Amino acid sequence: MSFQAYIDNIKTKTGKSPEDFKKLAEEKGFLEKGALVKTVKATEITNWLKEEFGLGHGHAMAIFATFKGKTE
């Protein structure tokens, strides 16, 4: 599955775009001014995405990748 397919599936499942998730992550303290907080581990973010949005591990990692700047 391509990266874009992951993002498209996430949007279909949750109704949220990567930008929406970035805003939510800032509210949770995972991002600051759009950048990952250095002390935050990927597991913290993926666990949050799995628990709150029902994402699988691969989909949660795709959102995490967008936090690190991946766009394709």
N, C-alpha and C. Protein backbone atom coordinates (compact mmCIF):
# COMPACT_ATOMS: atom_id res chain seq x y z
N MET A 1 0.85 -1.18 0.00
CA MET A 1 0.00 0.00 0.00
C MET A 1 0.90 1.24 0.00
N SER A 2 0.57 2.18 -0.85
CA SER A 2 1.36 3.41 -0.92
C SER A 2 1.06 4.31 0.28
N PHE A 3 1.97 5.23 0.51
CA PHE A 3 1.78 6.18 1.61
C PHE A 3 0.48 6.95 1.42
N GLN A 4 0.21 7.39 0.20
CA GLN A 4 -1.01 8.15 -0.07
C GLN A 4 -2.25 7.31 0.20
N ALA A 5 -2.18 6.01 -0.10
CA ALA A 5 -3.32 5.13 0.17
C ALA A 5 -3.58 5.05 1.67
N TYR A 6 -2.52 4.99 2.47
CA TYR A 6 -2.70 5.01 3.92
C TYR A 6 -3.42 6.29 4.35
N ILE A 7 -2.95 7.43 3.85
CA ILE A 7 -3.55 8.72 4.23
C ILE A 7 -5.01 8.78 3.78
N ASP A 8 -5.29 8.32 2.57
CA ASP A 8 -6.67 8.32 2.07
C ASP A 8 -7.57 7.44 2.93
N ASN A 9 -7.08 6.25 3.32
CA ASN A 9 -7.86 5.34 4.17
C ASN A 9 -8.12 5.95 5.55
N ILE A 10 -7.13 6.63 6.09
CA ILE A 10 -7.28 7.28 7.40
C ILE A 10 -8.35 8.36 7.31
N LYS A 11 -8.31 9.15 6.25
CA LYS A 11 -9.31 10.22 6.08
C LYS A 11 -10.71 9.63 5.95
N THR A 12 -10.83 8.53 5.22
CA THR A 12 -12.13 7.88 5.06
C THR A 12 -12.63 7.35 6.40
N LYS A 13 -11.73 6.73 7.17
CA LYS A 13 -12.13 6.12 8.44
C LYS A 13 -12.46 7.15 9.52
N THR A 14 -11.64 8.21 9.60
CA THR A 14 -11.77 9.15 10.72
C THR A 14 -12.38 10.49 10.33
N GLY A 15 -12.35 10.80 9.03
CA GLY A 15 -12.80 12.12 8.59
C GLY A 15 -11.77 13.20 8.84
N LYS A 16 -10.55 12.79 9.21
CA LYS A 16 -9.51 13.76 9.55
C LYS A 16 -8.33 13.67 8.58
N SER A 17 -7.77 14.82 8.27
CA SER A 17 -6.59 14.91 7.42
C SER A 17 -5.34 14.93 8.31
N PRO A 18 -4.16 14.77 7.70
CA PRO A 18 -2.94 14.90 8.50
C PRO A 18 -2.86 16.25 9.24
N GLU A 19 -3.34 17.31 8.60
CA GLU A 19 -3.34 18.62 9.26
C GLU A 19 -4.24 18.63 10.49
N ASP A 20 -5.38 17.95 10.40
CA ASP A 20 -6.27 17.84 11.56
C ASP A 20 -5.56 17.12 12.71
N PHE A 21 -4.87 16.04 12.36
CA PHE A 21 -4.15 15.29 13.39
C PHE A 21 -3.02 16.11 14.00
N LYS A 22 -2.38 16.94 13.19
CA LYS A 22 -1.32 17.81 13.72
C LYS A 22 -1.88 18.79 14.75
N LYS A 23 -3.04 19.35 14.46
CA LYS A 23 -3.67 20.27 15.42
C LYS A 23 -4.00 19.55 16.72
N LEU A 24 -4.55 18.35 16.60
CA LEU A 24 -4.89 17.57 17.79
C LEU A 24 -3.63 17.19 18.57
N ALA A 25 -2.56 16.85 17.86
CA ALA A 25 -1.30 16.48 18.51
C ALA A 25 -0.70 17.68 19.24
N GLU A 26 -0.87 18.86 18.69
CA GLU A 26 -0.39 20.07 19.40
C GLU A 26 -1.16 20.25 20.70
N GLU A 27 -2.48 20.04 20.64
CA GLU A 27 -3.31 20.16 21.84
C GLU A 27 -2.89 19.15 22.90
N LYS A 28 -2.44 17.96 22.47
CA LYS A 28 -2.02 16.90 23.40
C LYS A 28 -0.59 17.13 23.90
N GLY A 29 0.14 18.07 23.29
CA GLY A 29 1.51 18.34 23.70
C GLY A 29 2.56 17.49 22.99
N PHE A 30 2.16 16.79 21.93
CA PHE A 30 3.11 15.98 21.17
C PHE A 30 3.91 16.82 20.17
N LEU A 31 3.29 17.90 19.70
CA LEU A 31 3.94 18.82 18.77
C LEU A 31 3.94 20.21 19.38
N GLU A 32 4.97 20.98 19.01
CA GLU A 32 5.05 22.37 19.45
C GLU A 32 5.45 23.20 18.24
N LYS A 33 4.61 24.13 17.85
CA LYS A 33 4.82 24.95 16.65
C LYS A 33 5.05 24.07 15.43
N GLY A 34 4.31 22.98 15.35
CA GLY A 34 4.37 22.09 14.20
C GLY A 34 5.49 21.08 14.20
N ALA A 35 6.36 21.12 15.22
CA ALA A 35 7.49 20.19 15.30
C ALA A 35 7.30 19.21 16.45
N LEU A 36 7.79 17.99 16.25
CA LEU A 36 7.71 17.00 17.31
C LEU A 36 8.49 17.47 18.53
N VAL A 37 7.90 17.29 19.70
CA VAL A 37 8.60 17.58 20.95
C VAL A 37 9.64 16.47 21.12
N LYS A 38 10.89 16.84 21.39
CA LYS A 38 11.99 15.88 21.42
C LYS A 38 11.80 14.74 22.41
N THR A 39 11.10 14.98 23.50
CA THR A 39 10.93 13.95 24.52
C THR A 39 9.78 12.98 24.21
N VAL A 40 9.01 13.26 23.19
CA VAL A 40 7.86 12.41 22.84
C VAL A 40 8.33 11.27 21.96
N LYS A 41 7.95 10.06 22.34
CA LYS A 41 8.32 8.86 21.59
C LYS A 41 7.21 8.50 20.60
N ALA A 42 7.59 7.85 19.53
CA ALA A 42 6.63 7.42 18.51
C ALA A 42 5.53 6.56 19.14
N THR A 43 5.89 5.72 20.08
CA THR A 43 4.91 4.83 20.72
C THR A 43 3.80 5.61 21.41
N GLU A 44 4.14 6.72 22.03
CA GLU A 44 3.11 7.54 22.69
C GLU A 44 2.08 8.02 21.67
N ILE A 45 2.57 8.46 20.54
CA ILE A 45 1.68 8.98 19.50
C ILE A 45 0.88 7.86 18.86
N THR A 46 1.53 6.76 18.52
CA THR A 46 0.80 5.66 17.88
C THR A 46 -0.24 5.07 18.83
N ASN A 47 0.10 4.95 20.11
CA ASN A 47 -0.89 4.45 21.07
C ASN A 47 -2.11 5.36 21.14
N TRP A 48 -1.88 6.66 21.16
CA TRP A 48 -2.98 7.63 21.18
C TRP A 48 -3.86 7.48 19.94
N LEU A 49 -3.24 7.38 18.77
CA LEU A 49 -4.00 7.25 17.52
C LEU A 49 -4.78 5.94 17.47
N LYS A 50 -4.19 4.87 18.00
CA LYS A 50 -4.88 3.58 18.02
C LYS A 50 -6.07 3.62 18.97
N GLU A 51 -5.85 4.15 20.16
CA GLU A 51 -6.90 4.17 21.19
C GLU A 51 -8.03 5.14 20.84
N GLU A 52 -7.67 6.35 20.44
CA GLU A 52 -8.69 7.38 20.24
C GLU A 52 -9.39 7.30 18.88
N PHE A 53 -8.68 6.82 17.87
CA PHE A 53 -9.23 6.83 16.52
C PHE A 53 -9.37 5.45 15.90
N GLY A 54 -8.95 4.42 16.61
CA GLY A 54 -9.09 3.05 16.12
C GLY A 54 -8.20 2.72 14.94
N LEU A 55 -7.08 3.44 14.81
CA LEU A 55 -6.17 3.16 13.71
C LEU A 55 -5.32 1.93 14.01
N GLY A 56 -4.94 1.22 12.97
CA GLY A 56 -3.98 0.13 13.12
C GLY A 56 -2.58 0.70 13.21
N HIS A 57 -1.63 -0.17 13.49
CA HIS A 57 -0.26 0.30 13.68
C HIS A 57 0.30 0.99 12.44
N GLY A 58 0.12 0.40 11.28
CA GLY A 58 0.65 0.99 10.04
C GLY A 58 0.06 2.35 9.75
N HIS A 59 -1.23 2.48 9.96
CA HIS A 59 -1.90 3.76 9.73
C HIS A 59 -1.45 4.80 10.76
N ALA A 60 -1.29 4.38 12.00
CA ALA A 60 -0.80 5.31 13.04
C ALA A 60 0.62 5.77 12.70
N MET A 61 1.44 4.85 12.20
CA MET A 61 2.81 5.22 11.82
C MET A 61 2.81 6.18 10.63
N ALA A 62 1.84 6.04 9.74
CA ALA A 62 1.75 6.97 8.61
C ALA A 62 1.47 8.39 9.11
N ILE A 63 0.58 8.52 10.08
CA ILE A 63 0.32 9.84 10.65
C ILE A 63 1.56 10.35 11.37
N PHE A 64 2.22 9.49 12.12
CA PHE A 64 3.47 9.88 12.79
C PHE A 64 4.49 10.38 11.75
N ALA A 65 4.56 9.70 10.63
CA ALA A 65 5.50 10.11 9.57
C ALA A 65 5.17 11.51 9.06
N THR A 66 3.88 11.85 8.99
CA THR A 66 3.52 13.21 8.56
C THR A 66 3.99 14.23 9.59
N PHE A 67 4.01 13.85 10.85
CA PHE A 67 4.51 14.75 11.90
C PHE A 67 6.00 15.02 11.70
N LYS A 68 6.70 14.04 11.11
CA LYS A 68 8.13 14.18 10.87
C LYS A 68 8.42 14.83 9.51
N GLY A 69 7.36 15.17 8.76
CA GLY A 69 7.55 15.90 7.52
C GLY A 69 7.32 15.09 6.25
N LYS A 70 7.03 13.80 6.37
CA LYS A 70 6.79 12.99 5.17
C LYS A 70 5.48 13.43 4.52
N THR A 71 5.52 13.59 3.19
CA THR A 71 4.32 14.01 2.47
C THR A 71 3.94 13.04 1.36
N GLU A 72 4.82 12.10 1.04
CA GLU A 72 4.50 11.13 -0.01
C GLU A 72 5.25 9.84 0.22
